[in-house]
Amino acid sequence: MLIIPAIDIIDGKCVRLTQGDYTQKTIYNENPVEVAKSFADAGLRKLHLVDLDGAKAGKIINYKVLENIANAVNMEIDFGGGIKQKEDVELVLNSGAKYATIGSIAVKNEALFSGWIEDFGADRFLLGADVKGEKIAVNGWTETTDIDVFSFIEKYFSKGIKNIFCTDVSKDGLLQGPSIELYKKIITKFPPINFIASGGVSSVDDLLELSKINCFGAIVGKAIYEGRISLKQLSLFRS
């Protein structure tokens, strides 16, 4: 199972939020490039980079941080936050990201996202499914739709999307463990996808549980920054 460390950016700094709440923000490092280098030095090969300023503003803000990290480390980076139009996808991919991370747009504007898949190829996207009680959540998790996560994944899997991560909003940033049962259902229903678990990872034991249910990868954020899991421990999972 691949370990994918997360770097969330506000004002060019490495931060973490609790349950997506901008008022519950902790700054962990002033220099995200240093953080990315520490991950690369530990042998980790992928990086989940989120432009929280961009997500809030509805446009990409921190693409220079992406550029600086991409120039400093040899990691496969997915970048999300503020991607709203085709030019944004081009900017992200040209700035060094291997994947553009797409969430709300895929929910709200299927035609637009489907066009991007045709233009850039399905393998250049990481699809994010944020859920509350198995229903898709959007708008920074403030709005829960009536779309269930399984039909959402099915729709885009049929269009060629195979890289998918799922965040249970109720778990994110709380260090209370991931949604094993939900993830198990998704993996059973869609065995060919590269399913990545996100949210709630608090210990190596959580990662072992995710590995047992055949997760392709796991995004880990707060547990690293809070010292719950060491980089040495994470390096044991790399494949």
C-alpha atoms as a PDB file:
ATOM      1  CA  MET A   1       0.000   0.000   0.000  1.00  0.00           C
ATOM      2  CA  LEU A   2       1.288   3.421  -0.931  1.00  0.00           C
ATOM      3  CA  ILE A   3       1.526   6.071   1.762  1.00  0.00           C
ATOM      4  CA  ILE A   4       0.645   9.506   0.422  1.00  0.00           C
ATOM      5  CA  PRO A   5       1.567  12.309   2.830  1.00  0.00           C
ATOM      6  CA  ALA A   6      -0.566  15.437   2.676  1.00  0.00           C
ATOM      7  CA  ILE A   7       0.492  19.066   2.630  1.00  0.00           C
ATOM      8  CA  ASP A   8      -2.295  21.626   2.953  1.00  0.00           C
ATOM      9  CA  ILE A   9      -1.369  25.202   2.076  1.00  0.00           C
ATOM     10  CA  ILE A  10      -2.680  28.486   3.473  1.00  0.00           C
ATOM     11  CA  ASP A  11      -0.676  31.689   2.906  1.00  0.00           C
ATOM     12  CA  GLY A  12       2.167  29.566   1.533  1.00  0.00           C
ATOM     13  CA  LYS A  13       2.485  27.659   4.819  1.00  0.00           C
ATOM     14  CA  CYS A  14       1.911  24.032   5.727  1.00  0.00           C
ATOM     15  CA  VAL A  15      -1.245  23.766   7.849  1.00  0.00           C
ATOM     16  CA  ARG A  16      -3.944  21.305   8.860  1.00  0.00           C
ATOM     17  CA  LEU A  17      -7.618  21.939   9.422  1.00  0.00           C
ATOM     18  CA  THR A  18     -10.057  19.942  11.533  1.00  0.00           C
ATOM     19  CA  GLN A  19     -13.067  18.692   9.523  1.00  0.00           C
ATOM     20  CA  GLY A  20     -12.343  21.317   6.859  1.00  0.00           C
ATOM     21  CA  ASP A  21     -12.962  24.187   9.262  1.00  0.00           C
ATOM     22  CA  TYR A  22     -10.748  27.174   8.434  1.00  0.00           C
ATOM     23  CA  THR A  23     -11.213  28.501  11.987  1.00  0.00           C
ATOM     24  CA  GLN A  24      -9.625  25.306  13.335  1.00  0.00           C
ATOM     25  CA  LYS A  25      -6.237  25.805  11.686  1.00  0.00           C
ATOM     26  CA  THR A  26      -2.821  24.724  12.944  1.00  0.00           C
ATOM     27  CA  ILE A  27       0.372  25.932  11.232  1.00  0.00           C
ATOM     28  CA  TYR A  28       2.984  23.167  11.250  1.00  0.00           C
ATOM     29  CA  ASN A  29       5.725  24.590   9.065  1.00  0.00           C
ATOM     30  CA  GLU A  30       6.407  27.903   7.325  1.00  0.00           C
ATOM     31  CA  ASN A  31       8.165  26.133   4.446  1.00  0.00           C
ATOM     32  CA  PRO A  32       6.238  23.396   2.580  1.00  0.00           C
ATOM     33  CA  VAL A  33       9.287  22.616   0.432  1.00  0.00           C
ATOM     34  CA  GLU A  34      11.187  21.525   3.551  1.00  0.00           C
ATOM     35  CA  VAL A  35       8.272  19.297   4.520  1.00  0.00           C
ATOM     36  CA  ALA A  36       8.132  17.737   1.050  1.00  0.00           C
ATOM     37  CA  LYS A  37      11.882  17.088   1.135  1.00  0.00           C
ATOM     38  CA  SER A  38      11.518  15.268   4.444  1.00  0.00           C
ATOM     39  CA  PHE A  39       8.902  13.010   2.863  1.00  0.00           C
ATOM     40  CA  ALA A  40      11.059  12.361  -0.187  1.00  0.00           C
ATOM     41  CA  ASP A  41      14.085  11.627   2.011  1.00  0.00           C
ATOM     42  CA  ALA A  42      11.989   9.008   3.834  1.00  0.00           C
ATOM     43  CA  GLY A  43      11.452   7.252   0.514  1.00  0.00           C
ATOM     44  CA  LEU A  44       7.842   8.278  -0.035  1.00  0.00           C
ATOM     45  CA  ARG A  45       7.015   8.620  -3.721  1.00  0.00           C
ATOM     46  CA  LYS A  46       3.678  10.435  -3.810  1.00  0.00           C
ATOM     47  CA  LEU A  47       2.401  13.702  -2.354  1.00  0.00           C
ATOM     48  CA  HIS A  48      -1.123  15.065  -1.849  1.00  0.00           C
ATOM     49  CA  LEU A  49      -0.949  18.856  -2.116  1.00  0.00           C
ATOM     50  CA  VAL A  50      -4.025  20.965  -1.348  1.00  0.00           C
ATOM     51  CA  ASP A  51      -4.378  24.680  -2.026  1.00  0.00           C
ATOM     52  CA  LEU A  52      -6.788  25.625   0.769  1.00  0.00           C
ATOM     53  CA  ASP A  53      -6.622  29.293  -0.222  1.00  0.00           C
ATOM     54  CA  GLY A  54      -7.606  28.264  -3.728  1.00  0.00           C
ATOM     55  CA  ALA A  55     -10.442  26.049  -2.537  1.00  0.00           C
ATOM     56  CA  LYS A  56     -11.856  28.953  -0.555  1.00  0.00           C
ATOM     57  CA  ALA A  57     -11.355  31.556  -3.289  1.00  0.00           C
ATOM     58  CA  GLY A  58     -12.585  29.386  -6.156  1.00  0.00           C
ATOM     59  CA  LYS A  59      -9.353  29.895  -8.091  1.00  0.00           C
ATOM     60  CA  ILE A  60      -5.812  28.524  -7.845  1.00  0.00           C
ATOM     61  CA  ILE A  61      -3.669  30.610  -5.505  1.00  0.00           C
ATOM     62  CA  ASN A  62      -0.630  28.567  -4.481  1.00  0.00           C
ATOM     63  CA  TYR A  63       0.613  27.150  -7.789  1.00  0.00           C
ATOM     64  CA  LYS A  64       4.082  28.610  -7.095  1.00  0.00           C
ATOM     65  CA  VAL A  65       4.302  26.362  -4.041  1.00  0.00           C
ATOM     66  CA  LEU A  66       3.539  23.436  -6.348  1.00  0.00           C
ATOM     67  CA  GLU A  67       6.275  24.562  -8.741  1.00  0.00           C
ATOM     68  CA  ASN A  68       8.824  24.922  -5.950  1.00  0.00           C
ATOM     69  CA  ILE A  69       8.036  21.503  -4.507  1.00  0.00           C
ATOM     70  CA  ALA A  70       8.043  19.818  -7.928  1.00  0.00           C
ATOM     71  CA  ASN A  71      11.478  21.326  -8.639  1.00  0.00           C
ATOM     72  CA  ALA A  72      12.833  20.234  -5.263  1.00  0.00           C
ATOM     73  CA  VAL A  73      11.678  16.610  -5.010  1.00  0.00           C
ATOM     74  CA  ASN A  74      11.169  13.622  -7.281  1.00  0.00           C
ATOM     75  CA  MET A  75       7.634  12.744  -6.176  1.00  0.00           C
ATOM     76  CA  GLU A  76       4.359  12.195  -8.009  1.00  0.00           C
ATOM     77  CA  ILE A  77       2.232  15.124  -6.866  1.00  0.00           C
ATOM     78  CA  ASP A  78      -1.511  15.479  -7.017  1.00  0.00           C
ATOM     79  CA  PHE A  79      -2.735  19.059  -6.611  1.00  0.00           C
ATOM     80  CA  GLY A  80      -6.224  20.288  -5.824  1.00  0.00           C
ATOM     81  CA  GLY A  81      -8.038  23.398  -4.665  1.00  0.00           C
ATOM     82  CA  GLY A  82      -9.546  26.057  -6.912  1.00  0.00           C
ATOM     83  CA  ILE A  83      -9.538  24.103 -10.168  1.00  0.00           C
ATOM     84  CA  LYS A  84     -12.608  25.463 -11.967  1.00  0.00           C
ATOM     85  CA  GLN A  85     -11.778  25.647 -15.671  1.00  0.00           C
ATOM     86  CA  LYS A  86      -9.679  23.978 -18.343  1.00  0.00           C
ATOM     87  CA  GLU A  87      -6.918  26.594 -17.994  1.00  0.00           C
ATOM     88  CA  ASP A  88      -6.613  25.676 -14.307  1.00  0.00           C
ATOM     89  CA  VAL A  89      -6.003  22.040 -15.195  1.00  0.00           C
ATOM     90  CA  GLU A  90      -3.313  23.145 -17.664  1.00  0.00           C
ATOM     91  CA  LEU A  91      -1.692  25.362 -15.015  1.00  0.00           C
ATOM     92  CA  VAL A  92      -1.596  22.556 -12.457  1.00  0.00           C
ATOM     93  CA  LEU A  93      -0.153  19.982 -14.858  1.00  0.00           C
ATOM     94  CA  ASN A  94       2.361  22.481 -16.297  1.00  0.00           C
ATOM     95  CA  SER A  95       3.464  23.480 -12.790  1.00  0.00           C
ATOM     96  CA  GLY A  96       4.651  19.975 -11.990  1.00  0.00           C
ATOM     97  CA  ALA A  97       1.655  17.970 -10.801  1.00  0.00           C
ATOM     98  CA  LYS A  98       1.182  14.453 -12.121  1.00  0.00           C
ATOM     99  CA  TYR A  99      -2.534  14.613 -11.308  1.00  0.00           C
ATOM    100  CA  ALA A 100      -5.152  17.342 -10.997  1.00  0.00           C
ATOM    101  CA  THR A 101      -7.371  16.588  -8.014  1.00  0.00           C
ATOM    102  CA  ILE A 102     -11.054  17.131  -8.767  1.00  0.00           C
ATOM    103  CA  GLY A 103     -13.955  17.096  -6.310  1.00  0.00           C
ATOM    104  CA  SER A 104     -16.924  19.469  -6.377  1.00  0.00           C
ATOM    105  CA  ILE A 105     -16.704  20.164 -10.120  1.00  0.00           C
ATOM    106  CA  ALA A 106     -17.253  16.457 -10.828  1.00  0.00           C
ATOM    107  CA  VAL A 107     -20.416  16.628  -8.725  1.00  0.00           C
ATOM    108  CA  LYS A 108     -21.791  19.942  -9.987  1.00  0.00           C
ATOM    109  CA  ASN A 109     -20.733  19.974 -13.632  1.00  0.00           C
ATOM    110  CA  GLU A 110     -20.417  16.513 -15.133  1.00  0.00           C
ATOM    111  CA  ALA A 111     -20.214  17.859 -18.685  1.00  0.00           C
ATOM    112  CA  LEU A 112     -17.274  20.119 -17.852  1.00  0.00           C
ATOM    113  CA  PHE A 113     -15.286  17.430 -16.065  1.00  0.00           C
ATOM    114  CA  SER A 114     -16.083  14.872 -18.768  1.00  0.00           C
ATOM    115  CA  GLY A 115     -14.636  17.322 -21.291  1.00  0.00           C
ATOM    116  CA  TRP A 116     -11.437  17.573 -19.268  1.00  0.00           C
ATOM    117  CA  ILE A 117     -11.177  13.785 -19.198  1.00  0.00           C
ATOM    118  CA  GLU A 118     -11.381  13.776 -22.993  1.00  0.00           C
ATOM    119  CA  ASP A 119      -8.880  16.638 -23.344  1.00  0.00           C
ATOM    120  CA  PHE A 120      -6.216  15.498 -20.866  1.00  0.00           C
ATOM    121  CA  GLY A 121      -6.882  11.781 -20.363  1.00  0.00           C
ATOM    122  CA  ALA A 122      -8.458  10.045 -17.387  1.00  0.00           C
ATOM    123  CA  ASP A 123      -5.042   9.101 -16.012  1.00  0.00           C
ATOM    124  CA  ARG A 124      -4.200  12.765 -15.281  1.00  0.00           C
ATOM    125  CA  PHE A 125      -6.929  13.107 -12.651  1.00  0.00           C
ATOM    126  CA  LEU A 126      -7.396  12.065  -9.059  1.00  0.00           C
ATOM    127  CA  LEU A 127     -11.100  12.067  -8.241  1.00  0.00           C
ATOM    128  CA  GLY A 128     -12.071  12.999  -4.718  1.00  0.00           C
ATOM    129  CA  ALA A 129     -15.257  11.660  -3.172  1.00  0.00           C
ATOM    130  CA  ASP A 130     -16.058  13.489   0.071  1.00  0.00           C
ATOM    131  CA  VAL A 131     -18.823  11.752   1.968  1.00  0.00           C
ATOM    132  CA  LYS A 132     -21.169  12.155   4.896  1.00  0.00           C
ATOM    133  CA  GLY A 133     -23.064   8.969   5.639  1.00  0.00           C
ATOM    134  CA  GLU A 134     -22.236   7.558   2.167  1.00  0.00           C
ATOM    135  CA  LYS A 135     -23.636  10.694   0.473  1.00  0.00           C
ATOM    136  CA  ILE A 136     -21.388  13.051  -1.488  1.00  0.00           C
ATOM    137  CA  ALA A 137     -20.576  16.364   0.222  1.00  0.00           C
ATOM    138  CA  VAL A 138     -19.515  19.550  -1.590  1.00  0.00           C
ATOM    139  CA  ASN A 139     -18.715  23.208  -0.981  1.00  0.00           C
ATOM    140  CA  GLY A 140     -16.017  22.609   1.593  1.00  0.00           C
ATOM    141  CA  TRP A 141     -18.163  19.836   3.111  1.00  0.00           C
ATOM    142  CA  THR A 142     -20.876  22.317   4.070  1.00  0.00           C
ATOM    143  CA  GLU A 143     -23.477  20.807   1.723  1.00  0.00           C
ATOM    144  CA  THR A 144     -24.516  17.161   1.552  1.00  0.00           C
ATOM    145  CA  THR A 145     -26.082  16.024  -1.726  1.00  0.00           C
ATOM    146  CA  ASP A 146     -28.464  13.133  -2.343  1.00  0.00           C
ATOM    147  CA  ILE A 147     -25.836  11.413  -4.534  1.00  0.00           C
ATOM    148  CA  ASP A 148     -24.527   8.204  -3.026  1.00  0.00           C
ATOM    149  CA  VAL A 149     -20.807   7.554  -3.259  1.00  0.00           C
ATOM    150  CA  PHE A 150     -21.222   4.304  -5.199  1.00  0.00           C
ATOM    151  CA  SER A 151     -23.185   5.829  -8.098  1.00  0.00           C
ATOM    152  CA  PHE A 152     -20.741   8.756  -8.138  1.00  0.00           C
ATOM    153  CA  ILE A 153     -17.744   6.443  -8.501  1.00  0.00           C
ATOM    154  CA  GLU A 154     -19.559   4.266 -11.044  1.00  0.00           C
ATOM    155  CA  LYS A 155     -20.280   7.283 -13.261  1.00  0.00           C
ATOM    156  CA  TYR A 156     -16.651   8.311 -13.582  1.00  0.00           C
ATOM    157  CA  PHE A 157     -15.182   4.823 -13.509  1.00  0.00           C
ATOM    158  CA  SER A 158     -17.213   4.231 -16.677  1.00  0.00           C
ATOM    159  CA  LYS A 159     -15.445   7.276 -18.177  1.00  0.00           C
ATOM    160  CA  GLY A 160     -12.011   5.815 -17.443  1.00  0.00           C
ATOM    161  CA  ILE A 161     -11.217   7.323 -14.023  1.00  0.00           C
ATOM    162  CA  LYS A 162      -9.324   4.805 -11.908  1.00  0.00           C
ATOM    163  CA  ASN A 163      -7.523   6.989  -9.346  1.00  0.00           C
ATOM    164  CA  ILE A 164     -10.036   7.775  -6.611  1.00  0.00           C
ATOM    165  CA  PHE A 165      -9.760   8.855  -3.001  1.00  0.00           C
ATOM    166  CA  CYS A 166     -12.556   9.016  -0.482  1.00  0.00           C
ATOM    167  CA  THR A 167     -12.708  11.202   2.618  1.00  0.00           C
ATOM    168  CA  ASP A 168     -15.280  10.590   5.328  1.00  0.00           C
ATOM    169  CA  VAL A 169     -15.856  14.154   6.494  1.00  0.00           C
ATOM    170  CA  SER A 170     -16.859  12.998   9.957  1.00  0.00           C
ATOM    171  CA  LYS A 171     -13.394  11.491  10.441  1.00  0.00           C
ATOM    172  CA  ASP A 172     -11.078  14.081   8.918  1.00  0.00           C
ATOM    173  CA  GLY A 173      -8.542  15.652  11.241  1.00  0.00           C
ATOM    174  CA  LEU A 174      -9.903  13.941  14.351  1.00  0.00           C
ATOM    175  CA  LEU A 175      -7.328  11.117  14.577  1.00  0.00           C
ATOM    176  CA  GLN A 176     -10.103   8.661  15.455  1.00  0.00           C
ATOM    177  CA  GLY A 177      -9.463   6.056  12.779  1.00  0.00           C
ATOM    178  CA  PRO A 178     -10.595   5.714   9.133  1.00  0.00           C
ATOM    179  CA  SER A 179     -13.933   4.469   7.778  1.00  0.00           C
ATOM    180  CA  ILE A 180     -12.867   0.876   7.234  1.00  0.00           C
ATOM    181  CA  GLU A 181     -16.346  -0.526   6.551  1.00  0.00           C
ATOM    182  CA  LEU A 182     -17.204   2.126   3.959  1.00  0.00           C
ATOM    183  CA  TYR A 183     -13.884   1.673   2.182  1.00  0.00           C
ATOM    184  CA  LYS A 184     -14.291  -2.086   2.205  1.00  0.00           C
ATOM    185  CA  LYS A 185     -17.667  -1.713   0.450  1.00  0.00           C
ATOM    186  CA  ILE A 186     -16.199   0.556  -2.226  1.00  0.00           C
ATOM    187  CA  ILE A 187     -13.216  -1.703  -2.907  1.00  0.00           C
ATOM    188  CA  THR A 188     -15.463  -4.779  -3.110  1.00  0.00           C
ATOM    189  CA  LYS A 189     -17.759  -3.032  -5.587  1.00  0.00           C
ATOM    190  CA  PHE A 190     -14.969  -1.551  -7.728  1.00  0.00           C
ATOM    191  CA  PRO A 191     -11.955  -3.896  -7.555  1.00  0.00           C
ATOM    192  CA  PRO A 192     -10.094  -2.367 -10.547  1.00  0.00           C
ATOM    193  CA  ILE A 193      -9.839   1.169  -9.142  1.00  0.00           C
ATOM    194  CA  ASN A 194      -6.794   2.544  -7.374  1.00  0.00           C
ATOM    195  CA  PHE A 195      -8.669   3.318  -4.159  1.00  0.00           C
ATOM    196  CA  ILE A 196      -7.023   5.709  -1.721  1.00  0.00           C
ATOM    197  CA  ALA A 197      -8.299   6.121   1.829  1.00  0.00           C
ATOM    198  CA  SER A 198      -8.322   9.611   3.343  1.00  0.00           C
ATOM    199  CA  GLY A 199      -9.229  10.963   6.757  1.00  0.00           C
ATOM    200  CA  GLY A 200      -8.951   9.684  10.285  1.00  0.00           C
ATOM    201  CA  VAL A 201      -5.631   7.820  10.118  1.00  0.00           C
ATOM    202  CA  SER A 202      -4.137   8.076  13.601  1.00  0.00           C
ATOM    203  CA  SER A 203      -1.660   5.198  13.912  1.00  0.00           C
ATOM    204  CA  VAL A 204       0.289   2.491  12.155  1.00  0.00           C
ATOM    205  CA  ASP A 205      -2.461   0.076  13.201  1.00  0.00           C
ATOM    206  CA  ASP A 206      -4.936   2.095  11.115  1.00  0.00           C
ATOM    207  CA  LEU A 207      -2.631   1.779   8.129  1.00  0.00           C
ATOM    208  CA  LEU A 208      -2.340  -1.971   8.657  1.00  0.00           C
ATOM    209  CA  GLU A 209      -6.147  -2.236   8.687  1.00  0.00           C
ATOM    210  CA  LEU A 210      -6.367  -0.273   5.432  1.00  0.00           C
ATOM    211  CA  SER A 211      -3.717  -2.492   3.894  1.00  0.00           C
ATOM    212  CA  LYS A 212      -5.687  -5.596   4.879  1.00  0.00           C
ATOM    213  CA  ILE A 213      -8.750  -4.451   2.925  1.00  0.00           C
ATOM    214  CA  ASN A 214      -6.560  -3.895  -0.148  1.00  0.00           C
ATOM    215  CA  CYS A 215      -6.462  -0.118  -0.279  1.00  0.00           C
ATOM    216  CA  PHE A 216      -4.146   1.019  -3.063  1.00  0.00           C
ATOM    217  CA  GLY A 217      -2.984   3.904  -0.896  1.00  0.00           C
ATOM    218  CA  ALA A 218      -3.678   6.005   2.157  1.00  0.00           C
ATOM    219  CA  ILE A 219      -3.399   9.766   2.555  1.00  0.00           C
ATOM    220  CA  VAL A 220      -1.841  10.674   5.901  1.00  0.00           C
ATOM    221  CA  GLY A 221      -1.690  14.201   7.262  1.00  0.00           C
ATOM    222  CA  LYS A 222      -2.323  15.199  10.843  1.00  0.00           C
ATOM    223  CA  ALA A 223      -0.978  11.943  12.297  1.00  0.00           C
ATOM    224  CA  ILE A 224       2.441  12.801  10.840  1.00  0.00           C
ATOM    225  CA  TYR A 225       2.436  16.400  12.025  1.00  0.00           C
ATOM    226  CA  GLU A 226       1.232  15.461  15.508  1.00  0.00           C
ATOM    227  CA  GLY A 227       3.940  12.804  15.834  1.00  0.00           C
ATOM    228  CA  ARG A 228       1.514   9.862  15.972  1.00  0.00           C
ATOM    229  CA  ILE A 229       3.302   8.166  13.065  1.00  0.00           C
ATOM    230  CA  SER A 230       6.990   8.629  12.268  1.00  0.00           C
ATOM    231  CA  LEU A 231       8.437   8.948   8.787  1.00  0.00           C
ATOM    232  CA  LYS A 232      10.522   5.863   9.522  1.00  0.00           C
ATOM    233  CA  GLN A 233       7.342   3.889  10.165  1.00  0.00           C
ATOM    234  CA  LEU A 234       5.755   5.219   6.981  1.00  0.00           C
ATOM    235  CA  SER A 235       8.750   4.198   4.919  1.00  0.00           C
ATOM    236  CA  LEU A 236       8.032   0.560   5.775  1.00  0.00           C
ATOM    237  CA  PHE A 237       4.809   0.737   3.765  1.00  0.00           C
ATOM    238  CA  ARG A 238       6.202   2.113   0.540  1.00  0.00           C
ATOM    239  CA  SER A 239       5.938  -0.140  -2.478  1.00  0.00           C
END
